[in-house]
N, C-alpha and C. Protein backbone atom coordinates (compact mmCIF):
# COMPACT_ATOMS: atom_id res chain seq x y z
N MET A 1 0.85 -1.23 0.03
CA MET A 1 -0.06 0.09 -0.05
C MET A 1 0.90 1.33 0.01
N ASP A 2 2.04 1.23 0.59
CA ASP A 2 2.85 2.36 0.64
C ASP A 2 3.39 2.68 -0.66
N ASN A 3 3.55 1.79 -1.63
CA ASN A 3 3.93 2.06 -3.05
C ASN A 3 2.86 2.87 -3.69
N ASN A 4 1.63 2.77 -3.40
CA ASN A 4 0.62 3.65 -3.93
C ASN A 4 0.83 5.11 -3.67
N LEU A 5 1.34 5.33 -2.39
CA LEU A 5 1.62 6.77 -2.04
C LEU A 5 2.61 7.43 -2.74
N HIS A 6 3.58 6.69 -3.38
CA HIS A 6 4.64 7.23 -4.18
C HIS A 6 4.64 6.86 -5.60
N SER A 7 3.48 6.34 -6.08
CA SER A 7 3.38 5.93 -7.45
C SER A 7 3.38 7.13 -8.50
N PRO A 8 3.88 7.02 -9.61
CA PRO A 8 3.91 8.06 -10.69
C PRO A 8 2.44 8.64 -10.86
N ALA A 9 1.38 7.70 -10.82
CA ALA A 9 0.04 8.19 -11.11
C ALA A 9 -0.41 9.17 -9.97
N ARG A 10 0.01 8.75 -8.77
CA ARG A 10 -0.30 9.68 -7.60
C ARG A 10 0.37 11.00 -7.70
N ARG A 11 1.61 10.98 -8.10
CA ARG A 11 2.41 12.13 -8.21
C ARG A 11 1.85 13.05 -9.26
N LEU A 12 1.38 12.43 -10.36
CA LEU A 12 0.70 13.20 -11.40
C LEU A 12 -0.58 13.91 -10.81
N ILE A 13 -1.33 13.25 -10.09
CA ILE A 13 -2.56 13.85 -9.53
C ILE A 13 -2.12 15.01 -8.68
N GLU A 14 -1.02 14.74 -7.85
CA GLU A 14 -0.58 15.86 -6.87
C GLU A 14 -0.10 17.14 -7.66
N LEU A 15 0.69 16.92 -8.74
CA LEU A 15 1.02 18.06 -9.56
C LEU A 15 -0.07 18.77 -10.24
N ARG A 16 -1.01 17.98 -10.71
CA ARG A 16 -2.22 18.69 -11.36
C ARG A 16 -2.95 19.51 -10.32
N ILE A 17 -3.14 19.03 -9.12
CA ILE A 17 -3.80 19.85 -8.02
C ILE A 17 -3.01 21.06 -7.78
N GLU A 18 -1.69 20.87 -7.58
CA GLU A 18 -0.84 22.01 -7.28
C GLU A 18 -0.90 23.09 -8.48
N HIS A 19 -0.92 22.51 -9.67
CA HIS A 19 -1.12 23.48 -10.76
C HIS A 19 -2.35 24.31 -10.82
N ALA A 20 -3.53 23.59 -10.53
CA ALA A 20 -4.75 24.20 -10.47
C ALA A 20 -4.73 25.25 -9.33
N ASP A 21 -4.20 24.89 -8.16
CA ASP A 21 -4.17 25.86 -6.98
C ASP A 21 -3.38 27.18 -7.43
N LEU A 22 -2.30 26.90 -8.14
CA LEU A 22 -1.49 28.11 -8.59
C LEU A 22 -2.28 28.90 -9.58
N ASP A 23 -3.04 28.24 -10.54
CA ASP A 23 -3.91 29.02 -11.47
C ASP A 23 -4.84 29.90 -10.68
N SER A 24 -5.50 29.38 -9.71
CA SER A 24 -6.46 30.05 -8.84
C SER A 24 -5.76 31.29 -8.09
N LEU A 25 -4.57 31.04 -7.45
CA LEU A 25 -3.85 32.06 -6.83
C LEU A 25 -3.41 33.14 -7.77
N ILE A 26 -2.89 32.80 -8.97
CA ILE A 26 -2.45 33.79 -9.91
C ILE A 26 -3.62 34.65 -10.44
N ASP A 27 -4.83 34.02 -10.54
CA ASP A 27 -5.97 34.84 -10.97
C ASP A 27 -6.42 35.85 -9.95
N ARG A 28 -6.38 35.39 -8.67
CA ARG A 28 -6.71 36.32 -7.51
C ARG A 28 -5.71 37.44 -7.54
N ALA A 29 -4.31 37.09 -7.41
CA ALA A 29 -3.32 38.02 -7.39
C ALA A 29 -3.37 39.05 -8.59
N ALA A 30 -3.67 38.62 -9.76
CA ALA A 30 -3.77 39.57 -10.85
C ALA A 30 -4.88 40.55 -10.65
N GLY A 31 -5.95 40.27 -9.86
CA GLY A 31 -6.99 41.16 -9.68
C GLY A 31 -6.87 42.02 -8.50
N GLU A 32 -5.89 41.95 -7.71
CA GLU A 32 -5.68 42.69 -6.56
C GLU A 32 -4.78 44.01 -6.94
N GLN A 33 -5.03 45.04 -6.17
CA GLN A 33 -4.28 46.24 -6.36
C GLN A 33 -3.60 46.63 -4.93
N PRO A 34 -2.44 47.00 -4.72
CA PRO A 34 -1.47 47.04 -5.87
C PRO A 34 -0.98 45.66 -6.21
N LEU A 35 -0.56 45.55 -7.42
CA LEU A 35 -0.04 44.30 -7.91
C LEU A 35 1.33 44.06 -7.64
N ASP A 36 1.73 42.85 -6.98
CA ASP A 36 3.06 42.56 -6.75
C ASP A 36 3.61 41.85 -7.98
N ASP A 37 4.26 42.51 -8.78
CA ASP A 37 4.85 41.89 -10.12
C ASP A 37 5.80 40.71 -9.71
N LEU A 38 6.74 40.86 -8.74
CA LEU A 38 7.73 39.92 -8.53
C LEU A 38 6.92 38.67 -8.09
N MET A 39 6.12 38.77 -7.15
CA MET A 39 5.35 37.53 -6.69
C MET A 39 4.54 36.79 -7.86
N LEU A 40 3.96 37.65 -8.68
CA LEU A 40 3.21 37.11 -9.80
C LEU A 40 4.10 36.40 -10.74
N ARG A 41 5.30 36.95 -11.01
CA ARG A 41 6.29 36.41 -11.91
C ARG A 41 6.74 35.02 -11.28
N ARG A 42 7.02 35.00 -10.03
CA ARG A 42 7.46 33.84 -9.38
C ARG A 42 6.42 32.65 -9.44
N LEU A 43 5.12 33.00 -9.28
CA LEU A 43 4.12 32.02 -9.21
C LEU A 43 3.90 31.51 -10.67
N LYS A 44 3.92 32.38 -11.67
CA LYS A 44 3.81 31.96 -13.10
C LYS A 44 4.96 31.09 -13.45
N LYS A 45 6.16 31.26 -12.98
CA LYS A 45 7.35 30.49 -13.24
C LYS A 45 7.20 29.08 -12.58
N ARG A 46 6.66 29.06 -11.39
CA ARG A 46 6.48 27.86 -10.71
C ARG A 46 5.38 27.06 -11.46
N ARG A 47 4.31 27.71 -11.91
CA ARG A 47 3.26 27.08 -12.64
C ARG A 47 3.77 26.43 -13.92
N LEU A 48 4.61 27.09 -14.65
CA LEU A 48 5.30 26.70 -15.88
C LEU A 48 6.12 25.45 -15.56
N ALA A 49 6.86 25.40 -14.48
CA ALA A 49 7.68 24.32 -14.13
C ALA A 49 6.78 23.04 -13.74
N LEU A 50 5.70 23.37 -13.13
CA LEU A 50 4.73 22.25 -12.89
C LEU A 50 4.20 21.65 -14.14
N ARG A 51 3.87 22.60 -15.09
CA ARG A 51 3.29 22.08 -16.33
C ARG A 51 4.23 21.17 -17.07
N ASP A 52 5.55 21.53 -17.04
CA ASP A 52 6.58 20.72 -17.70
C ASP A 52 6.77 19.38 -17.05
N GLN A 53 6.64 19.30 -15.63
CA GLN A 53 6.79 18.12 -14.78
C GLN A 53 5.53 17.16 -15.13
N ILE A 54 4.39 17.84 -15.23
CA ILE A 54 3.22 17.15 -15.64
C ILE A 54 3.35 16.40 -16.91
N ALA A 55 3.82 17.20 -17.92
CA ALA A 55 3.95 16.67 -19.30
C ALA A 55 5.00 15.47 -19.35
N GLN A 56 6.05 15.64 -18.58
CA GLN A 56 7.00 14.66 -18.63
C GLN A 56 6.48 13.29 -17.96
N LEU A 57 5.76 13.50 -16.83
CA LEU A 57 5.21 12.37 -16.11
C LEU A 57 4.10 11.67 -17.06
N GLU A 58 3.28 12.51 -17.70
CA GLU A 58 2.22 11.93 -18.60
C GLU A 58 2.94 11.15 -19.76
N ASN A 59 4.00 11.67 -20.25
CA ASN A 59 4.66 10.93 -21.35
C ASN A 59 5.22 9.54 -20.86
N ARG A 60 5.69 9.47 -19.55
CA ARG A 60 6.29 8.35 -18.97
C ARG A 60 5.05 7.26 -18.75
N LEU A 61 3.96 7.77 -18.28
CA LEU A 61 2.83 6.91 -17.97
C LEU A 61 2.06 6.46 -19.19
N GLU A 62 1.91 7.33 -20.15
CA GLU A 62 1.20 7.14 -21.40
C GLU A 62 2.09 7.26 -22.58
N PRO A 63 2.89 6.36 -22.94
CA PRO A 63 3.84 6.52 -24.12
C PRO A 63 3.00 6.72 -25.37
N PRO A 64 3.62 7.48 -26.29
CA PRO A 64 2.86 7.84 -27.61
C PRO A 64 2.65 6.59 -28.34
N GLU A 65 1.46 6.51 -29.03
CA GLU A 65 1.12 5.31 -29.82
C GLU A 65 1.99 5.35 -31.09
N PRO A 66 2.33 4.20 -31.54
CA PRO A 66 3.21 4.11 -32.68
C PRO A 66 2.46 4.57 -33.98
N ALA A 67 3.05 5.09 -34.90
CA ALA A 67 2.38 5.68 -36.12
C ALA A 67 2.03 4.50 -37.10
């Protein structure tokens, strides 16, 4: 059962949740005044890194179909 806690599929779910949380946080931060540009840039950079990790993990879990 402990293997399930560290499985790639579970990690993918965690990354997707974190990415969605960052989306929500960025949307809220963009609507606030005064806008903290540095914080917003850091959040967007983290969101992009998460998206890259998600894509890599998806490719490992679901290899492309042969042509």
